[in-house]
Amino acid sequence: MSFFDFHVHTYYSRDANMVPDRLIRVAQKRGLQGLAVTDHHTIAGGVQAQKACGRSFIVVVGAEIRTDACEVIGLFLTEEISSTDPWIVIDEIQDQGGITVLPHPFRPVFPPAPRRPRGLPKALLTRIDVIEAFNARTTLQANQRALALAATLGRPVLAGSDAHWYREVGRAKTWVAPFASEDDLRRHLVAGRTRIEAPRNTFPQSTPFLALSTLYGRLRQRPQGHHVHHLRHRSPPNT
């Protein structure tokens, strides 16, 4: 039995402050066997975390891309995603052999994006492999709608804490059936051989609090000796 937190940010996201190697130690203490590091618009945090973890812990390299329609997470990435057009983003993820995840689909966008469509484009949803049906930074009602969307589309689900701070790591856990390789893990996620374990909403959802969360991550002093290089194009940060 393996427990994963499939949505975590390191200090390579401008609104987070976690150092990859310490993040792994915290996750292990909380009973996790793996993480998906999904920094905003870069795989750098996941790559660094993967280099820092031992054989007993698994890091899935990912990125959360804020597209013109919605957020899209790519998992099992080996290259940076260069676009913010949702169709191109999905193509880039799949061309790498990655899988697409729709995170917190019913959480209000912060900061607002007035040019976005009010609803999720139906044609786009057909390109999504997995739905994040529980996000610990999202309201109960929004998570319930995400679970209903997954049921309607017949898509598998996973859970993620969306952790930006150490204390949030592991607040959402996904049980994954036994696997022998990264390819097995990928197949289990797409086939729905997963189960969300004991989810609970623990994060205030008011806009002022989210704004303070973002500001905290930006202003938090980076550990000495660590210099963060933000790769490629960046969209405004999203918590």
Protein backbone atom coordinates (compact mmCIF):
# COMPACT_ATOMS: atom_id res chain seq x y z
CA MET A 1 0.00 0.00 0.00
CA SER A 2 1.44 3.37 -1.03
CA PHE A 3 0.17 6.80 -0.07
CA PHE A 4 0.90 9.81 -2.27
CA ASP A 5 0.20 13.53 -2.12
CA PHE A 6 -0.23 14.37 -5.79
CA HIS A 7 -0.17 18.19 -5.65
CA VAL A 8 2.71 19.92 -3.85
CA HIS A 9 4.69 23.12 -4.51
CA THR A 10 8.29 23.97 -3.68
CA TYR A 11 10.00 27.36 -3.65
CA TYR A 12 10.27 27.12 -7.43
CA SER A 13 6.67 28.34 -7.27
CA ARG A 14 6.74 32.04 -6.46
CA ASP A 15 4.04 31.70 -3.80
CA ALA A 16 5.58 28.74 -1.92
CA ASN A 17 8.60 28.33 0.34
CA MET A 18 9.41 24.62 0.68
CA VAL A 19 12.93 23.35 -0.07
CA PRO A 20 12.76 20.07 -2.04
CA ASP A 21 15.03 17.94 0.15
CA ARG A 22 13.35 19.04 3.38
CA LEU A 23 9.95 18.54 1.74
CA ILE A 24 10.81 14.89 1.21
CA ARG A 25 11.81 14.43 4.85
CA VAL A 26 8.56 16.04 6.03
CA ALA A 27 6.51 13.85 3.69
CA GLN A 28 8.20 10.68 4.95
CA LYS A 29 7.53 11.61 8.57
CA ARG A 30 3.85 11.95 7.68
CA GLY A 31 3.60 8.47 6.30
CA LEU A 32 3.81 9.23 2.59
CA GLN A 33 5.65 6.98 0.17
CA GLY A 34 5.62 9.52 -2.64
CA LEU A 35 4.84 13.04 -3.86
CA ALA A 36 4.03 14.76 -7.11
CA VAL A 37 5.89 18.07 -7.19
CA THR A 38 3.78 20.37 -9.36
CA ASP A 39 5.28 23.84 -9.30
CA HIS A 40 3.72 26.65 -11.27
CA HIS A 41 5.03 26.63 -14.84
CA THR A 42 8.22 24.68 -14.16
CA ILE A 43 9.44 21.15 -13.51
CA ALA A 44 12.58 22.42 -11.75
CA GLY A 45 11.32 21.69 -8.24
CA GLY A 46 10.31 18.17 -9.18
CA VAL A 47 13.63 17.48 -10.85
CA GLN A 48 15.53 18.69 -7.79
CA ALA A 49 13.31 16.71 -5.42
CA GLN A 50 13.71 13.57 -7.51
CA LYS A 51 17.50 13.88 -7.32
CA ALA A 52 17.31 14.31 -3.53
CA CYS A 53 15.05 11.34 -2.76
CA GLY A 54 16.26 7.83 -2.05
CA ARG A 55 15.01 4.55 -3.44
CA SER A 56 12.43 4.20 -0.67
CA PHE A 57 10.61 7.39 -1.73
CA ILE A 58 9.11 8.30 -5.10
CA VAL A 59 8.90 11.77 -6.62
CA VAL A 60 6.73 12.30 -9.67
CA VAL A 61 7.95 15.29 -11.67
CA GLY A 62 5.12 17.57 -12.69
CA ALA A 63 4.02 21.15 -13.30
CA GLU A 64 0.82 23.12 -12.84
CA ILE A 65 0.10 25.31 -15.84
CA ARG A 66 -2.35 28.18 -15.67
CA THR A 67 -3.88 28.11 -19.14
CA ASP A 68 -6.31 30.46 -20.79
CA ALA A 69 -9.18 28.13 -19.82
CA CYS A 70 -8.23 26.42 -16.55
CA GLU A 71 -5.29 24.99 -14.61
CA VAL A 72 -3.81 21.79 -16.02
CA ILE A 73 -1.30 19.61 -14.18
CA GLY A 74 1.09 17.44 -16.13
CA LEU A 75 2.61 14.44 -14.33
CA PHE A 76 5.62 12.32 -15.35
CA LEU A 77 7.19 15.21 -17.23
CA THR A 78 10.74 15.35 -18.56
CA GLU A 79 10.65 18.76 -20.26
CA GLU A 80 9.24 22.20 -19.50
CA ILE A 81 5.82 23.15 -20.84
CA SER A 82 6.20 26.21 -23.05
CA SER A 83 2.60 27.28 -23.73
CA THR A 84 -0.42 28.58 -21.84
CA ASP A 85 -2.87 27.61 -24.58
CA PRO A 86 -4.78 24.68 -23.02
CA TRP A 87 -4.79 22.57 -26.19
CA ILE A 88 -1.07 23.01 -26.75
CA VAL A 89 -0.34 22.38 -23.06
CA ILE A 90 -2.16 19.06 -23.21
CA ASP A 91 -0.35 18.14 -26.43
CA GLU A 92 3.03 18.95 -24.84
CA ILE A 93 2.22 16.82 -21.77
CA GLN A 94 1.05 13.85 -23.81
CA ASP A 95 3.96 14.11 -26.26
CA GLN A 96 6.25 13.47 -23.26
CA GLY A 97 4.27 10.42 -22.22
CA GLY A 98 2.82 12.36 -19.29
CA ILE A 99 -0.74 12.33 -17.99
CA THR A 100 -3.09 15.29 -17.63
CA VAL A 101 -4.80 16.16 -14.36
CA LEU A 102 -7.54 18.75 -13.88
CA PRO A 103 -6.88 20.33 -10.44
CA HIS A 104 -9.52 22.05 -8.29
CA PRO A 105 -11.81 22.64 -11.32
CA PHE A 106 -14.43 24.60 -9.36
CA ARG A 107 -12.24 26.80 -7.20
CA PRO A 108 -12.49 30.52 -7.97
CA VAL A 109 -9.55 31.82 -9.97
CA PHE A 110 -7.14 33.99 -7.99
CA PRO A 111 -6.04 36.46 -9.24
CA PRO A 112 -9.11 36.79 -11.49
CA ALA A 113 -8.79 36.00 -15.19
CA PRO A 114 -11.64 37.87 -16.91
CA ARG A 115 -10.89 36.44 -20.36
CA ARG A 116 -11.49 32.88 -19.24
CA PRO A 117 -14.70 31.10 -20.22
CA ARG A 118 -17.22 30.87 -17.38
CA GLY A 119 -17.45 27.11 -17.66
CA LEU A 120 -14.99 24.37 -18.47
CA PRO A 121 -14.95 23.69 -22.23
CA LYS A 122 -16.50 20.26 -22.80
CA ALA A 123 -14.12 19.43 -25.63
CA LEU A 124 -11.18 20.16 -23.34
CA LEU A 125 -12.49 17.84 -20.64
CA THR A 126 -12.31 14.90 -23.05
CA ARG A 127 -8.51 15.38 -23.13
CA ILE A 128 -8.12 15.11 -19.35
CA ASP A 129 -6.91 11.79 -17.92
CA VAL A 130 -7.56 12.28 -14.18
CA ILE A 131 -9.65 14.65 -12.03
CA GLU A 132 -8.38 16.05 -8.74
CA ALA A 133 -11.52 15.26 -6.75
CA PHE A 134 -10.12 16.47 -3.43
CA ASN A 135 -7.89 19.49 -2.91
CA ALA A 136 -7.16 20.45 0.69
CA ARG A 137 -7.12 24.16 -0.16
CA THR A 138 -10.56 24.03 -1.76
CA THR A 139 -14.03 24.19 -0.22
CA LEU A 140 -16.08 21.09 0.48
CA GLN A 141 -18.71 22.19 -2.05
CA ALA A 142 -16.13 22.69 -4.81
CA ASN A 143 -14.56 19.29 -4.08
CA GLN A 144 -17.97 17.64 -4.19
CA ARG A 145 -18.59 19.19 -7.61
CA ALA A 146 -15.20 17.92 -8.78
CA LEU A 147 -16.08 14.39 -7.65
CA ALA A 148 -19.42 14.63 -9.47
CA LEU A 149 -17.64 15.82 -12.61
CA ALA A 150 -15.30 12.83 -12.47
CA ALA A 151 -18.29 10.49 -12.14
CA THR A 152 -20.05 12.15 -15.07
CA LEU A 153 -16.97 11.92 -17.29
CA GLY A 154 -16.02 8.45 -16.08
CA ARG A 155 -12.57 9.67 -15.07
CA PRO A 156 -10.38 8.35 -12.24
CA VAL A 157 -9.68 10.61 -9.27
CA LEU A 158 -6.82 11.58 -7.02
CA ALA A 159 -6.24 13.91 -4.08
CA GLY A 160 -3.67 16.61 -3.47
CA SER A 161 -2.91 18.91 -0.58
CA ASP A 162 -1.83 21.76 -2.90
CA ALA A 163 0.73 22.37 -0.16
CA HIS A 164 2.75 25.55 -0.32
CA TRP A 165 3.96 25.36 3.32
CA TYR A 166 5.41 22.38 5.21
CA ARG A 167 2.47 22.12 7.60
CA GLU A 168 0.12 21.42 4.67
CA VAL A 169 2.00 18.40 3.27
CA GLY A 170 -0.05 15.22 3.42
CA ARG A 171 -3.37 16.88 4.21
CA ALA A 172 -4.70 15.00 1.21
CA LYS A 173 -3.61 11.43 0.51
CA THR A 174 -4.22 9.08 -2.38
CA TRP A 175 -3.81 5.35 -1.93
CA VAL A 176 -2.30 3.67 -4.99
CA ALA A 177 -2.40 -0.05 -5.69
CA PRO A 178 0.98 -1.85 -5.50
CA PHE A 179 3.26 -1.09 -8.44
CA ALA A 180 6.73 -2.15 -9.55
CA SER A 181 7.80 0.77 -11.74
CA GLU A 182 6.99 4.34 -12.71
CA ASP A 183 5.15 3.01 -15.77
CA ASP A 184 3.01 0.86 -13.46
CA LEU A 185 2.25 3.90 -11.33
CA ARG A 186 1.23 5.89 -14.41
CA ARG A 187 -1.06 3.08 -15.57
CA HIS A 188 -2.65 2.77 -12.12
CA LEU A 189 -3.54 6.48 -12.07
CA VAL A 190 -5.11 6.40 -15.53
CA ALA A 191 -6.94 3.13 -14.80
CA GLY A 192 -8.30 4.43 -11.48
CA ARG A 193 -6.51 1.96 -9.23
CA THR A 194 -6.54 4.63 -6.54
CA ARG A 195 -8.55 5.68 -3.52
CA ILE A 196 -8.78 8.99 -1.73
CA GLU A 197 -8.02 8.53 1.97
CA ALA A 198 -9.58 10.54 4.85
CA PRO A 199 -9.82 13.90 3.09
CA ARG A 200 -10.49 17.02 5.13
CA ASN A 201 -10.69 20.68 4.23
CA THR A 202 -8.35 22.66 6.45
CA PHE A 203 -7.57 25.85 4.58
CA PRO A 204 -9.57 29.11 4.83
CA GLN A 205 -10.99 30.07 1.42
CA SER A 206 -11.54 33.81 1.73
CA THR A 207 -9.88 35.93 -0.94
CA PRO A 208 -7.94 38.04 1.64
CA PHE A 209 -6.49 34.89 3.19
CA LEU A 210 -5.42 33.51 -0.19
CA ALA A 211 -3.80 36.86 -0.96
CA LEU A 212 -1.87 36.73 2.32
CA SER A 213 -0.82 33.15 1.54
CA THR A 214 0.63 34.25 -1.79
CA LEU A 215 2.38 37.24 -0.23
CA TYR A 216 3.86 35.01 2.49
CA GLY A 217 5.34 32.67 -0.07
CA ARG A 218 6.85 35.51 -2.08
CA LEU A 219 8.41 37.29 0.89
CA ARG A 220 9.59 34.22 2.79
CA GLN A 221 13.39 34.25 2.95
CA ARG A 222 14.95 31.47 0.88
CA PRO A 223 17.42 29.19 2.66
CA GLN A 224 20.99 30.33 2.23
CA GLY A 225 22.89 28.56 -0.48
CA HIS A 226 19.77 27.98 -2.58
CA HIS A 227 19.27 30.15 -5.65
CA VAL A 228 16.02 29.68 -7.51
CA HIS A 229 16.02 29.90 -11.28
CA HIS A 230 12.50 30.26 -12.67
CA LEU A 231 12.51 28.62 -16.06
CA ARG A 232 10.88 29.85 -19.23
CA HIS A 233 7.68 31.85 -19.50
CA ARG A 234 5.70 32.38 -16.30
CA SER A 235 2.07 33.27 -15.85
CA PRO A 236 0.78 35.03 -12.71
CA PRO A 237 0.99 32.69 -9.69
CA ASN A 238 -2.08 30.77 -8.64
CA THR A 239 -2.56 29.32 -5.18
